[in-house]
Amino acid sequence: MRIFGDLAATVGHKHVVELNEGATIQTLIRMIQERVGQTRRTYLDEFKIGGPDLAMMVNGKNVALLDSVHTVLSDEDDVVIMPFVSGG
């Protein structure tokens, strides 16, 4: 799993995790939250999980186009989590 942007400063840039069969994006997020000591279940750092300011992708596909946080992960999936960048 790779994490980019402001979120990486809080939770780290890259994580290799082992998940049980049937694990989802939500399972993965909860593991990260536990590792970094975060207690707000619906947020990762200051970003709402499933909200408009946080992109989550599995193998290059936005999970919003799949099953959102309920997207089931498989061995060797490439997961990317990053806040959307805005500005001018």
N, C-alpha and C. Protein backbone atom coordinates (compact mmCIF):
# COMPACT_ATOMS: atom_id res chain seq x y z
N MET A 1 0.84 -1.15 0.00
CA MET A 1 0.00 0.00 0.00
C MET A 1 0.89 1.23 0.00
N ARG A 2 0.52 2.20 -0.81
CA ARG A 2 1.28 3.45 -0.88
C ARG A 2 0.37 4.61 -0.50
N ILE A 3 0.94 5.56 0.23
CA ILE A 3 0.19 6.71 0.69
C ILE A 3 0.93 7.97 0.27
N PHE A 4 0.19 8.95 -0.23
CA PHE A 4 0.80 10.17 -0.75
C PHE A 4 0.22 11.42 -0.07
N GLY A 5 0.87 12.55 -0.33
CA GLY A 5 0.38 13.85 0.11
C GLY A 5 0.53 14.06 1.61
N ASP A 6 -0.27 14.98 2.12
CA ASP A 6 -0.23 15.32 3.54
C ASP A 6 -0.48 14.12 4.43
N LEU A 7 -1.25 13.18 3.95
CA LEU A 7 -1.58 11.99 4.72
C LEU A 7 -0.33 11.15 5.03
N ALA A 8 0.62 11.14 4.12
CA ALA A 8 1.85 10.35 4.30
C ALA A 8 2.67 10.82 5.50
N ALA A 9 2.61 12.10 5.80
CA ALA A 9 3.35 12.62 6.94
C ALA A 9 2.83 12.04 8.25
N THR A 10 1.56 11.71 8.29
CA THR A 10 0.96 11.17 9.50
C THR A 10 1.06 9.65 9.59
N VAL A 11 0.78 8.96 8.50
CA VAL A 11 0.70 7.50 8.57
C VAL A 11 1.85 6.78 7.88
N GLY A 12 2.74 7.50 7.21
CA GLY A 12 3.86 6.88 6.52
C GLY A 12 3.59 6.75 5.04
N HIS A 13 4.65 6.57 4.25
CA HIS A 13 4.53 6.54 2.79
C HIS A 13 4.15 5.18 2.25
N LYS A 14 4.64 4.12 2.88
CA LYS A 14 4.44 2.80 2.30
C LYS A 14 4.25 1.79 3.42
N HIS A 15 3.30 0.91 3.23
CA HIS A 15 3.04 -0.14 4.20
C HIS A 15 2.89 -1.46 3.46
N VAL A 16 3.49 -2.50 3.98
CA VAL A 16 3.23 -3.84 3.49
C VAL A 16 2.47 -4.53 4.60
N VAL A 17 1.28 -4.99 4.29
CA VAL A 17 0.45 -5.60 5.31
C VAL A 17 -0.04 -6.97 4.84
N GLU A 18 -0.25 -7.83 5.79
CA GLU A 18 -0.84 -9.13 5.50
C GLU A 18 -2.27 -9.11 5.99
N LEU A 19 -3.17 -9.47 5.10
CA LEU A 19 -4.58 -9.46 5.41
C LEU A 19 -5.15 -10.86 5.25
N ASN A 20 -6.19 -11.15 6.00
CA ASN A 20 -6.88 -12.42 5.86
C ASN A 20 -7.70 -12.42 4.58
N GLU A 21 -8.03 -13.59 4.10
CA GLU A 21 -8.87 -13.72 2.92
C GLU A 21 -10.20 -13.01 3.17
N GLY A 22 -10.67 -12.29 2.17
CA GLY A 22 -11.93 -11.57 2.30
C GLY A 22 -11.79 -10.18 2.91
N ALA A 23 -10.56 -9.76 3.22
CA ALA A 23 -10.34 -8.43 3.79
C ALA A 23 -10.72 -7.36 2.76
N THR A 24 -11.17 -6.25 3.27
CA THR A 24 -11.62 -5.15 2.42
C THR A 24 -10.75 -3.91 2.64
N ILE A 25 -11.03 -2.89 1.86
CA ILE A 25 -10.38 -1.59 2.07
C ILE A 25 -10.63 -1.12 3.50
N GLN A 26 -11.83 -1.30 3.99
CA GLN A 26 -12.17 -0.88 5.35
C GLN A 26 -11.30 -1.62 6.38
N THR A 27 -11.05 -2.91 6.17
CA THR A 27 -10.17 -3.68 7.05
C THR A 27 -8.78 -3.08 7.05
N LEU A 28 -8.28 -2.76 5.86
CA LEU A 28 -6.96 -2.17 5.71
C LEU A 28 -6.87 -0.83 6.41
N ILE A 29 -7.87 0.02 6.23
CA ILE A 29 -7.89 1.33 6.87
C ILE A 29 -7.84 1.18 8.39
N ARG A 30 -8.62 0.25 8.92
CA ARG A 30 -8.63 0.05 10.37
C ARG A 30 -7.27 -0.41 10.89
N MET A 31 -6.57 -1.24 10.11
CA MET A 31 -5.22 -1.66 10.51
C MET A 31 -4.29 -0.46 10.58
N ILE A 32 -4.38 0.42 9.60
CA ILE A 32 -3.54 1.61 9.60
C ILE A 32 -3.89 2.49 10.80
N GLN A 33 -5.18 2.68 11.04
CA GLN A 33 -5.60 3.50 12.17
C GLN A 33 -5.03 2.96 13.48
N GLU A 34 -5.06 1.65 13.65
CA GLU A 34 -4.52 1.05 14.88
C GLU A 34 -3.01 1.27 14.97
N ARG A 35 -2.31 1.11 13.84
CA ARG A 35 -0.84 1.29 13.83
C ARG A 35 -0.43 2.70 14.24
N VAL A 36 -1.19 3.70 13.81
CA VAL A 36 -0.81 5.09 14.09
C VAL A 36 -1.55 5.66 15.30
N GLY A 37 -2.38 4.84 15.96
CA GLY A 37 -3.05 5.27 17.17
C GLY A 37 -4.22 6.21 16.95
N GLN A 38 -4.84 6.12 15.80
CA GLN A 38 -5.98 6.99 15.50
C GLN A 38 -7.27 6.33 15.97
N THR A 39 -8.12 7.10 16.61
CA THR A 39 -9.34 6.52 17.18
C THR A 39 -10.62 6.93 16.44
N ARG A 40 -10.56 7.93 15.59
CA ARG A 40 -11.76 8.34 14.82
C ARG A 40 -11.95 7.37 13.67
N ARG A 41 -12.90 6.47 13.79
CA ARG A 41 -13.08 5.38 12.82
C ARG A 41 -13.44 5.84 11.41
N THR A 42 -14.10 6.95 11.25
CA THR A 42 -14.53 7.37 9.92
C THR A 42 -13.53 8.30 9.24
N TYR A 43 -12.39 8.52 9.89
CA TYR A 43 -11.36 9.40 9.34
C TYR A 43 -10.00 8.72 9.32
N LEU A 44 -9.20 9.08 8.35
CA LEU A 44 -7.79 8.72 8.31
C LEU A 44 -7.05 10.05 8.35
N ASP A 45 -6.43 10.33 9.49
CA ASP A 45 -5.89 11.65 9.78
C ASP A 45 -7.06 12.63 9.75
N GLU A 46 -7.00 13.67 8.95
CA GLU A 46 -8.09 14.64 8.89
C GLU A 46 -9.03 14.40 7.72
N PHE A 47 -8.82 13.32 7.00
CA PHE A 47 -9.57 13.05 5.78
C PHE A 47 -10.66 12.02 6.02
N LYS A 48 -11.89 12.35 5.63
CA LYS A 48 -13.02 11.44 5.81
C LYS A 48 -12.89 10.27 4.85
N ILE A 49 -12.96 9.07 5.38
CA ILE A 49 -12.88 7.86 4.57
C ILE A 49 -14.15 7.77 3.73
N GLY A 50 -13.98 7.65 2.43
CA GLY A 50 -15.11 7.63 1.52
C GLY A 50 -15.62 9.02 1.19
N GLY A 51 -14.96 10.03 1.71
CA GLY A 51 -15.35 11.41 1.45
C GLY A 51 -14.76 11.93 0.16
N PRO A 52 -15.13 13.15 -0.21
CA PRO A 52 -14.69 13.70 -1.49
C PRO A 52 -13.23 14.16 -1.52
N ASP A 53 -12.57 14.21 -0.38
CA ASP A 53 -11.19 14.71 -0.37
C ASP A 53 -10.14 13.62 -0.25
N LEU A 54 -10.54 12.36 -0.33
CA LEU A 54 -9.59 11.25 -0.19
C LEU A 54 -9.82 10.23 -1.31
N ALA A 55 -8.81 10.03 -2.14
CA ALA A 55 -8.89 9.04 -3.22
C ALA A 55 -8.27 7.74 -2.76
N MET A 56 -8.96 6.64 -3.01
CA MET A 56 -8.44 5.31 -2.71
C MET A 56 -8.55 4.48 -3.98
N MET A 57 -7.43 3.89 -4.38
CA MET A 57 -7.40 3.13 -5.62
C MET A 57 -6.84 1.74 -5.38
N VAL A 58 -7.41 0.77 -6.09
CA VAL A 58 -6.92 -0.60 -6.07
C VAL A 58 -6.56 -0.97 -7.50
N ASN A 59 -5.30 -1.27 -7.72
CA ASN A 59 -4.81 -1.63 -9.05
C ASN A 59 -5.20 -0.59 -10.10
N GLY A 60 -5.10 0.69 -9.73
CA GLY A 60 -5.36 1.78 -10.65
C GLY A 60 -6.82 2.16 -10.82
N LYS A 61 -7.72 1.48 -10.11
CA LYS A 61 -9.15 1.79 -10.21
C LYS A 61 -9.63 2.43 -8.92
N ASN A 62 -10.35 3.54 -9.05
CA ASN A 62 -10.89 4.23 -7.89
C ASN A 62 -11.93 3.34 -7.23
N VAL A 63 -11.82 3.14 -5.91
CA VAL A 63 -12.76 2.25 -5.21
C VAL A 63 -14.18 2.81 -5.25
N ALA A 64 -14.34 4.11 -5.52
CA ALA A 64 -15.68 4.68 -5.65
C ALA A 64 -16.41 4.05 -6.84
N LEU A 65 -15.66 3.55 -7.82
CA LEU A 65 -16.25 2.89 -8.98
C LEU A 65 -16.40 1.39 -8.77
N LEU A 66 -15.87 0.91 -7.66
CA LEU A 66 -15.98 -0.52 -7.32
C LEU A 66 -17.01 -0.65 -6.20
N ASP A 67 -16.62 -1.20 -5.08
CA ASP A 67 -17.54 -1.36 -3.94
C ASP A 67 -17.17 -0.45 -2.77
N SER A 68 -16.57 0.69 -3.08
CA SER A 68 -16.15 1.67 -2.07
C SER A 68 -15.26 0.99 -1.03
N VAL A 69 -15.48 1.27 0.25
CA VAL A 69 -14.63 0.70 1.30
C VAL A 69 -14.89 -0.79 1.50
N HIS A 70 -15.91 -1.32 0.83
CA HIS A 70 -16.22 -2.75 0.92
C HIS A 70 -15.55 -3.55 -0.20
N THR A 71 -14.71 -2.91 -0.98
CA THR A 71 -13.97 -3.59 -2.04
C THR A 71 -13.06 -4.64 -1.42
N VAL A 72 -13.21 -5.88 -1.87
CA VAL A 72 -12.42 -7.00 -1.35
C VAL A 72 -11.04 -6.97 -2.00
N LEU A 73 -10.02 -7.17 -1.18
CA LEU A 73 -8.64 -7.16 -1.65
C LEU A 73 -8.13 -8.58 -1.85
N SER A 74 -7.19 -8.72 -2.79
CA SER A 74 -6.56 -10.00 -3.08
C SER A 74 -5.05 -9.87 -2.93
N ASP A 75 -4.36 -11.01 -2.92
CA ASP A 75 -2.90 -11.00 -2.88
C ASP A 75 -2.35 -10.14 -4.00
N GLU A 76 -1.33 -9.40 -3.68
CA GLU A 76 -0.59 -8.59 -4.65
C GLU A 76 -1.37 -7.39 -5.18
N ASP A 77 -2.52 -7.05 -4.61
CA ASP A 77 -3.21 -5.83 -5.01
C ASP A 77 -2.35 -4.63 -4.65
N ASP A 78 -2.36 -3.64 -5.51
CA ASP A 78 -1.66 -2.39 -5.27
C ASP A 78 -2.69 -1.37 -4.81
N VAL A 79 -2.59 -0.95 -3.56
CA VAL A 79 -3.54 0.00 -2.99
C VAL A 79 -2.83 1.35 -2.83
N VAL A 80 -3.48 2.40 -3.33
CA VAL A 80 -2.96 3.75 -3.22
C VAL A 80 -4.01 4.60 -2.52
N ILE A 81 -3.58 5.35 -1.51
CA ILE A 81 -4.46 6.26 -0.80
C ILE A 81 -3.82 7.64 -0.84
N MET A 82 -4.60 8.64 -1.27
CA MET A 82 -4.05 9.98 -1.35
C MET A 82 -5.14 11.02 -1.30
N PRO A 83 -4.85 12.15 -0.66
CA PRO A 83 -5.80 13.25 -0.68
C PRO A 83 -5.77 13.91 -2.05
N PHE A 84 -6.92 14.41 -2.48
CA PHE A 84 -6.96 15.16 -3.72
C PHE A 84 -6.21 16.46 -3.53
N VAL A 85 -5.53 16.90 -4.57
CA VAL A 85 -4.76 18.13 -4.52
C VAL A 85 -5.58 19.22 -5.19
N SER A 86 -5.59 20.36 -4.55
CA SER A 86 -6.29 21.50 -5.17
C SER A 86 -5.43 22.74 -5.02
N GLY A 87 -5.78 23.74 -5.72
CA GLY A 87 -5.02 24.98 -5.65
C GLY A 87 -4.79 25.53 -7.04
N GLY A 88 -3.99 26.55 -7.10
CA GLY A 88 -3.79 27.12 -8.42
C GLY A 88 -2.49 27.85 -8.51
